[in-house]
PDB file of N, CA and C in Angstrom:
ATOM      1  N   MET A   1     107.806  67.631  96.582  1.00  0.00           N
ATOM      2  CA  MET A   1     107.064  68.528  96.604  1.00  0.00           C
ATOM      3  C   MET A   1     105.761  68.016  96.387  1.00  0.00           C
ATOM      4  N   PRO A   2     104.724  68.327  97.292  1.00  0.00           N
ATOM      5  CA  PRO A   2     103.875  67.764  97.469  1.00  0.00           C
ATOM      6  C   PRO A   2     102.481  67.885  96.015  1.00  0.00           C
ATOM      7  N   ASP A   3     102.066  68.623  95.942  1.00  0.00           N
ATOM      8  CA  ASP A   3     101.110  68.953  94.815  1.00  0.00           C
ATOM      9  C   ASP A   3     101.625  69.139  93.039  1.00  0.00           C
ATOM     10  N   MET A   4     103.301  69.560  92.596  1.00  0.00           N
ATOM     11  CA  MET A   4     103.562  69.527  91.652  1.00  0.00           C
ATOM     12  C   MET A   4     105.390  69.096  91.343  1.00  0.00           C
ATOM     13  N   ASP A   5     106.108  69.126  90.368  1.00  0.00           N
ATOM     14  CA  ASP A   5     107.176  68.279  90.096  1.00  0.00           C
ATOM     15  C   ASP A   5     108.132  69.123  89.699  1.00  0.00           C
ATOM     16  N   GLY A   6     109.116  69.735  89.939  1.00  0.00           N
ATOM     17  CA  GLY A   6     110.290  70.402  88.929  1.00  0.00           C
ATOM     18  C   GLY A   6     109.677  70.895  87.655  1.00  0.00           C
ATOM     19  N   PHE A   7     108.412  70.697  86.620  1.00  0.00           N
ATOM     20  CA  PHE A   7     108.754  70.633  85.099  1.00  0.00           C
ATOM     21  C   PHE A   7     107.252  70.963  85.625  1.00  0.00           C
ATOM     22  N   ASP A   8     105.480  70.991  86.603  1.00  0.00           N
ATOM     23  CA  ASP A   8     105.211  71.789  86.661  1.00  0.00           C
ATOM     24  C   ASP A   8     105.462  73.329  87.523  1.00  0.00           C
ATOM     25  N   VAL A   9     106.735  73.052  88.063  1.00  0.00           N
ATOM     26  CA  VAL A   9     106.382  74.703  88.765  1.00  0.00           C
ATOM     27  C   VAL A   9     107.408  75.327  87.779  1.00  0.00           C
ATOM     28  N   ALA A  10     108.505  74.921  86.691  1.00  0.00           N
ATOM     29  CA  ALA A  10     108.988  75.913  85.289  1.00  0.00           C
ATOM     30  C   ALA A  10     108.095  76.076  84.372  1.00  0.00           C
ATOM     31  N   ARG A  11     106.538  75.371  84.374  1.00  0.00           N
ATOM     32  CA  ARG A  11     105.775  75.583  82.600  1.00  0.00           C
ATOM     33  C   ARG A  11     105.245  76.407  83.919  1.00  0.00           C
ATOM     34  N   ALA A  12     105.031  76.141  85.025  1.00  0.00           N
ATOM     35  CA  ALA A  12     104.487  77.757  85.808  1.00  0.00           C
ATOM     36  C   ALA A  12     104.663  79.200  86.216  1.00  0.00           C
ATOM     37  N   VAL A  13     105.596  79.137  86.119  1.00  0.00           N
ATOM     38  CA  VAL A  13     106.984  80.106  86.000  1.00  0.00           C
ATOM     39  C   VAL A  13     106.674  80.908  84.953  1.00  0.00           C
ATOM     40  N   ARG A  14     107.517  79.703  83.812  1.00  0.00           N
ATOM     41  CA  ARG A  14     106.915  80.774  82.647  1.00  0.00           C
ATOM     42  C   ARG A  14     105.699  81.447  81.801  1.00  0.00           C
ATOM     43  N   ALA A  15     105.284  80.700  82.651  1.00  0.00           N
ATOM     44  CA  ALA A  15     103.219  80.655  82.096  1.00  0.00           C
ATOM     45  C   ALA A  15     103.244  82.230  82.931  1.00  0.00           C
ATOM     46  N   ASP A  16     103.989  82.919  83.861  1.00  0.00           N
ATOM     47  CA  ASP A  16     103.733  84.004  84.171  1.00  0.00           C
ATOM     48  C   ASP A  16     104.650  84.991  83.160  1.00  0.00           C
ATOM     49  N   GLY A  17     104.533  86.103  82.916  1.00  0.00           N
ATOM     50  CA  GLY A  17     105.045  87.133  82.660  1.00  0.00           C
ATOM     51  C   GLY A  17     106.147  88.024  83.207  1.00  0.00           C
ATOM     52  N   GLN A  18     105.472  87.642  84.064  1.00  0.00           N
ATOM     53  CA  GLN A  18     106.568  88.682  85.104  1.00  0.00           C
ATOM     54  C   GLN A  18     107.638  87.594  85.760  1.00  0.00           C
ATOM     55  N   LEU A  19     108.334  87.198  85.318  1.00  0.00           N
ATOM     56  CA  LEU A  19     108.867  85.810  85.985  1.00  0.00           C
ATOM     57  C   LEU A  19     109.994  86.134  84.200  1.00  0.00           C
ATOM     58  N   ASP A  20     109.876  86.831  83.579  1.00  0.00           N
ATOM     59  CA  ASP A  20     110.114  86.084  81.804  1.00  0.00           C
ATOM     60  C   ASP A  20     112.089  86.523  82.024  1.00  0.00           C
ATOM     61  N   ASP A  21     112.951  87.131  83.281  1.00  0.00           N
ATOM     62  CA  ASP A  21     113.918  86.711  83.525  1.00  0.00           C
ATOM     63  C   ASP A  21     114.145  85.604  84.917  1.00  0.00           C
ATOM     64  N   VAL A  22     113.683  85.474  85.102  1.00  0.00           N
ATOM     65  CA  VAL A  22     113.771  84.104  85.766  1.00  0.00           C
ATOM     66  C   VAL A  22     114.893  83.066  84.991  1.00  0.00           C
ATOM     67  N   VAL A  23     115.916  83.033  85.330  1.00  0.00           N
ATOM     68  CA  VAL A  23     117.313  81.198  84.529  1.00  0.00           C
ATOM     69  C   VAL A  23     116.906  80.032  85.802  1.00  0.00           C
ATOM     70  N   LEU A  24     115.586  79.182  85.114  1.00  0.00           N
ATOM     71  CA  LEU A  24     115.825  78.229  85.096  1.00  0.00           C
ATOM     72  C   LEU A  24     116.611  76.331  85.258  1.00  0.00           C
ATOM     73  N   VAL A  25     117.381  76.428  86.717  1.00  0.00           N
ATOM     74  CA  VAL A  25     117.711  75.125  86.126  1.00  0.00           C
ATOM     75  C   VAL A  25     117.696  73.534  86.948  1.00  0.00           C
ATOM     76  N   ALA A  26     117.467  73.084  85.903  1.00  0.00           N
ATOM     77  CA  ALA A  26     117.075  71.928  85.922  1.00  0.00           C
ATOM     78  C   ALA A  26     118.113  71.278  86.250  1.00  0.00           C
ATOM     79  N   LEU A  27     118.168  70.247  88.162  1.00  0.00           N
ATOM     80  CA  LEU A  27     119.112  69.250  88.521  1.00  0.00           C
ATOM     81  C   LEU A  27     119.067  68.140  88.750  1.00  0.00           C
ATOM     82  N   THR A  28     120.025  67.098  88.155  1.00  0.00           N
ATOM     83  CA  THR A  28     119.095  65.467  88.039  1.00  0.00           C
ATOM     84  C   THR A  28     119.725  65.088  88.111  1.00  0.00           C
ATOM     85  N   GLY A  29     119.560  63.541  88.232  1.00  0.00           N
ATOM     86  CA  GLY A  29     120.514  62.112  88.056  1.00  0.00           C
ATOM     87  C   GLY A  29     120.286  60.908  87.152  1.00  0.00           C
ATOM     88  N   TYR A  30     118.998  61.985  86.486  1.00  0.00           N
ATOM     89  CA  TYR A  30     118.470  61.828  84.712  1.00  0.00           C
ATOM     90  C   TYR A  30     119.455  62.313  83.257  1.00  0.00           C
ATOM     91  N   ALA A  31     119.688  61.357  82.837  1.00  0.00           N
ATOM     92  CA  ALA A  31     120.747  62.809  81.622  1.00  0.00           C
ATOM     93  C   ALA A  31     119.823  61.900  79.788  1.00  0.00           C
ATOM     94  N   ALA A  32     119.755  61.028  80.299  1.00  0.00           N
ATOM     95  CA  ALA A  32     119.292  60.454  79.348  1.00  0.00           C
ATOM     96  C   ALA A  32     119.156  61.932  78.587  1.00  0.00           C
ATOM     97  N   GLU A  33     118.593  62.336  76.715  1.00  0.00           N
ATOM     98  CA  GLU A  33     118.225  62.768  75.647  1.00  0.00           C
ATOM     99  C   GLU A  33     116.821  62.932  75.847  1.00  0.00           C
ATOM    100  N   SER A  34     116.414  62.260  76.612  1.00  0.00           N
ATOM    101  CA  SER A  34     114.948  62.598  76.612  1.00  0.00           C
ATOM    102  C   SER A  34     114.246  63.504  77.670  1.00  0.00           C
ATOM    103  N   ASP A  35     115.273  63.462  78.999  1.00  0.00           N
ATOM    104  CA  ASP A  35     114.961  64.261  80.266  1.00  0.00           C
ATOM    105  C   ASP A  35     115.765  65.111  79.783  1.00  0.00           C
ATOM    106  N   LYS A  36     117.036  65.611  78.818  1.00  0.00           N
ATOM    107  CA  LYS A  36     117.170  66.862  78.788  1.00  0.00           C
ATOM    108  C   LYS A  36     115.905  67.439  78.240  1.00  0.00           C
ATOM    109  N   SER A  37     115.149  66.997  77.161  1.00  0.00           N
ATOM    110  CA  SER A  37     114.504  68.034  76.014  1.00  0.00           C
ATOM    111  C   SER A  37     112.839  68.281  76.428  1.00  0.00           C
ATOM    112  N   ARG A  38     112.762  67.572  77.125  1.00  0.00           N
ATOM    113  CA  ARG A  38     111.667  67.252  78.388  1.00  0.00           C
ATOM    114  C   ARG A  38     111.860  68.460  79.027  1.00  0.00           C
ATOM    115  N   ALA A  39     112.861  68.807  80.466  1.00  0.00           N
ATOM    116  CA  ALA A  39     113.126  69.990  80.913  1.00  0.00           C
ATOM    117  C   ALA A  39     113.652  71.044  79.900  1.00  0.00           C
ATOM    118  N   LEU A  40     114.131  70.959  79.784  1.00  0.00           N
ATOM    119  CA  LEU A  40     114.137  72.554  78.004  1.00  0.00           C
ATOM    120  C   LEU A  40     112.230  72.511  78.281  1.00  0.00           C
ATOM    121  N   ALA A  41     112.039  71.903  77.584  1.00  0.00           N
ATOM    122  CA  ALA A  41     110.746  71.520  77.083  1.00  0.00           C
ATOM    123  C   ALA A  41     109.567  72.278  77.927  1.00  0.00           C
ATOM    124  N   ALA A  42     109.857  71.798  78.670  1.00  0.00           N
ATOM    125  CA  ALA A  42     108.987  72.245  80.469  1.00  0.00           C
ATOM    126  C   ALA A  42     109.356  73.891  80.876  1.00  0.00           C
ATOM    127  N   GLY A  43     110.781  74.481  80.648  1.00  0.00           N
ATOM    128  CA  GLY A  43     110.277  75.657  80.624  1.00  0.00           C
ATOM    129  C   GLY A  43     112.404  76.028  81.094  1.00  0.00           C
ATOM    130  N   PHE A  44     113.602  75.044  81.530  1.00  0.00           N
ATOM    131  CA  PHE A  44     113.736  75.153  81.621  1.00  0.00           C
ATOM    132  C   PHE A  44     114.907  76.000  81.215  1.00  0.00           C
ATOM    133  N   ASN A  45     116.068  76.241  81.970  1.00  0.00           N
ATOM    134  CA  ASN A  45     117.217  77.293  80.455  1.00  0.00           C
ATOM    135  C   ASN A  45     117.784  76.404  80.120  1.00  0.00           C
ATOM    136  N   TYR A  46     118.164  75.377  81.144  1.00  0.00           N
ATOM    137  CA  TYR A  46     119.917  74.708  81.484  1.00  0.00           C
ATOM    138  C   TYR A  46     119.139  73.142  81.872  1.00  0.00           C
ATOM    139  N   HIS A  47     120.151  72.338  81.790  1.00  0.00           N
ATOM    140  CA  HIS A  47     119.424  70.775  82.466  1.00  0.00           C
ATOM    141  C   HIS A  47     120.834  69.825  82.466  1.00  0.00           C
ATOM    142  N   LEU A  48     121.162  70.258  83.986  1.00  0.00           N
ATOM    143  CA  LEU A  48     122.639  70.001  84.404  1.00  0.00           C
ATOM    144  C   LEU A  48     121.961  68.361  85.263  1.00  0.00           C
ATOM    145  N   THR A  49     123.405  67.455  85.191  1.00  0.00           N
ATOM    146  CA  THR A  49     122.897  66.227  85.748  1.00  0.00           C
ATOM    147  C   THR A  49     124.182  65.821  86.946  1.00  0.00           C
ATOM    148  N   LYS A  50     123.488  65.182  87.815  1.00  0.00           N
ATOM    149  CA  LYS A  50     124.028  65.278  89.028  1.00  0.00           C
ATOM    150  C   LYS A  50     125.587  63.723  88.981  1.00  0.00           C
ATOM    151  N   PRO A  51     126.776  64.423  89.862  1.00  0.00           N
ATOM    152  CA  PRO A  51     126.852  65.236  90.128  1.00  0.00           C
ATOM    153  C   PRO A  51     127.560  66.679  89.797  1.00  0.00           C
ATOM    154  N   LEU A  52     126.868  67.769  90.746  1.00  0.00           N
ATOM    155  CA  LEU A  52     126.733  69.314  90.429  1.00  0.00           C
ATOM    156  C   LEU A  52     128.340  69.468  90.107  1.00  0.00           C
ATOM    157  N   SER A  53     128.986  69.994  88.838  1.00  0.00           N
ATOM    158  CA  SER A  53     129.853  70.168  88.436  1.00  0.00           C
ATOM    159  C   SER A  53     129.446  72.436  89.097  1.00  0.00           C
ATOM    160  N   LEU A  54     130.613  72.462  90.120  1.00  0.00           N
ATOM    161  CA  LEU A  54     130.040  73.728  90.126  1.00  0.00           C
ATOM    162  C   LEU A  54     130.779  74.853  89.588  1.00  0.00           C
ATOM    163  N   ALA A  55     131.827  74.371  88.924  1.00  0.00           N
ATOM    164  CA  ALA A  55     132.346  75.126  87.789  1.00  0.00           C
ATOM    165  C   ALA A  55     131.611  75.596  86.926  1.00  0.00           C
ATOM    166  N   LYS A  56     130.316  74.428  86.485  1.00  0.00           N
ATOM    167  CA  LYS A  56     129.733  74.275  85.626  1.00  0.00           C
ATOM    168  C   LYS A  56     128.399  75.736  85.333  1.00  0.00           C
ATOM    169  N   LEU A  57     128.020  75.691  86.837  1.00  0.00           N
ATOM    170  CA  LEU A  57     126.990  76.087  87.344  1.00  0.00           C
ATOM    171  C   LEU A  57     127.850  77.969  87.190  1.00  0.00           C
ATOM    172  N   GLN A  58     129.167  78.242  87.869  1.00  0.00           N
ATOM    173  CA  GLN A  58     129.774  78.840  87.774  1.00  0.00           C
ATOM    174  C   GLN A  58     128.787  79.641  86.823  1.00  0.00           C
ATOM    175  N   HIS A  59     130.128  79.576  85.495  1.00  0.00           N
ATOM    176  CA  HIS A  59     129.790  79.781  83.773  1.00  0.00           C
ATOM    177  C   HIS A  59     128.091  79.865  83.749  1.00  0.00           C
ATOM    178  N   ILE A  60     127.816  79.043  83.786  1.00  0.00           N
ATOM    179  CA  ILE A  60     126.288  79.739  83.578  1.00  0.00           C
ATOM    180  C   ILE A  60     125.821  80.618  83.920  1.00  0.00           C
ATOM    181  N   LEU A  61     126.242  80.742  85.691  1.00  0.00           N
ATOM    182  CA  LEU A  61     125.598  82.269  86.643  1.00  0.00           C
ATOM    183  C   LEU A  61     126.086  83.477  86.286  1.00  0.00           C
ATOM    184  N   ALA A  62     127.870  83.291  85.376  1.00  0.00           N
ATOM    185  CA  ALA A  62     128.474  84.349  84.788  1.00  0.00           C
ATOM    186  C   ALA A  62     127.283  84.977  82.919  1.00  0.00           C
ATOM    187  N   ASN A  63     127.555  83.876  82.830  1.00  0.00           N
ATOM    188  CA  ASN A  63     127.166  83.377  80.866  1.00  0.00           C
ATOM    189  C   ASN A  63     126.033  84.192  80.999  1.00  0.00           C
ATOM    190  N   ARG A  64     124.800  84.306  81.639  1.00  0.00           N
ATOM    191  CA  ARG A  64     123.080  83.867  81.453  1.00  0.00           C
ATOM    192  C   ARG A  64     122.705  85.181  80.162  1.00  0.00           C
ATOM    193  N   GLU A  65     123.426  86.007  81.116  1.00  0.00           N
ATOM    194  CA  GLU A  65     122.921  87.520  80.350  1.00  0.00           C
ATOM    195  C   GLU A  65     122.315  87.260  78.810  1.00  0.00           C
ATOM    196  N   ASP A  66     121.129  87.540  78.810  1.00  0.00           N
ATOM    197  CA  ASP A  66     119.710  88.114  77.234  1.00  0.00           C
ATOM    198  C   ASP A  66     119.724  86.492  76.453  1.00  0.00           C
ATOM    199  N   GLY A  67     120.101  85.603  77.983  1.00  0.00           N
ATOM    200  CA  GLY A  67     119.826  84.168  76.822  1.00  0.00           C
ATOM    201  C   GLY A  67     120.707  83.682  75.380  1.00  0.00           C
ATOM    202  N   LYS A  68     121.781  84.381  76.074  1.00  0.00           N
ATOM    203  CA  LYS A  68     122.685  84.011  74.924  1.00  0.00           C
ATOM    204  C   LYS A  68     123.108  82.271  75.249  1.00  0.00           C
ATOM    205  N   LEU A  69     123.058  81.976  76.682  1.00  0.00           N
ATOM    206  CA  LEU A  69     124.104  80.746  76.680  1.00  0.00           C
ATOM    207  C   LEU A  69     122.604  79.573  77.709  1.00  0.00           C
ATOM    208  N   GLY A  70     122.054  78.520  76.806  1.00  0.00           N
ATOM    209  CA  GLY A  70     121.217  77.820  77.555  1.00  0.00           C
ATOM    210  C   GLY A  70     121.299  76.439  76.759  1.00  0.00           C
ATOM    211  N   GLY A  71     120.712  75.779  76.977  1.00  0.00           N
ATOM    212  CA  GLY A  71     119.997  74.389  77.054  1.00  0.00           C
ATOM    213  C   GLY A  71     121.319  73.368  77.524  1.00  0.00           C
ATOM    214  N   ILE A  72     121.631  72.471  77.535  1.00  0.00           N
ATOM    215  CA  ILE A  72     122.245  71.401  77.713  1.00  0.00           C
ATOM    216  C   ILE A  72     123.803  71.996  78.088  1.00  0.00           C
ATOM    217  N   VAL A  73     124.360  72.030  79.021  1.00  0.00           N
ATOM    218  CA  VAL A  73     125.808  72.981  79.431  1.00  0.00           C
ATOM    219  C   VAL A  73     126.585  70.988  80.052  1.00  0.00           C
TER     220      VAL A  73
END
């Protein structure tokens, strides 16, 4: 994205109260604890690393209600 990165997008979504129920999943090749912390601090609900596990993504989507599942999965 030319003007914003994923962190900027997450912060913009979280700044808009009308989007409070949007679930944000970061998918990246960066797996250091600092990368995970940065993603969660920016507003992502989840931080997943490549290669994507479809089973993990399906679990997140099936169990995301009320924010009970969040963070690093």
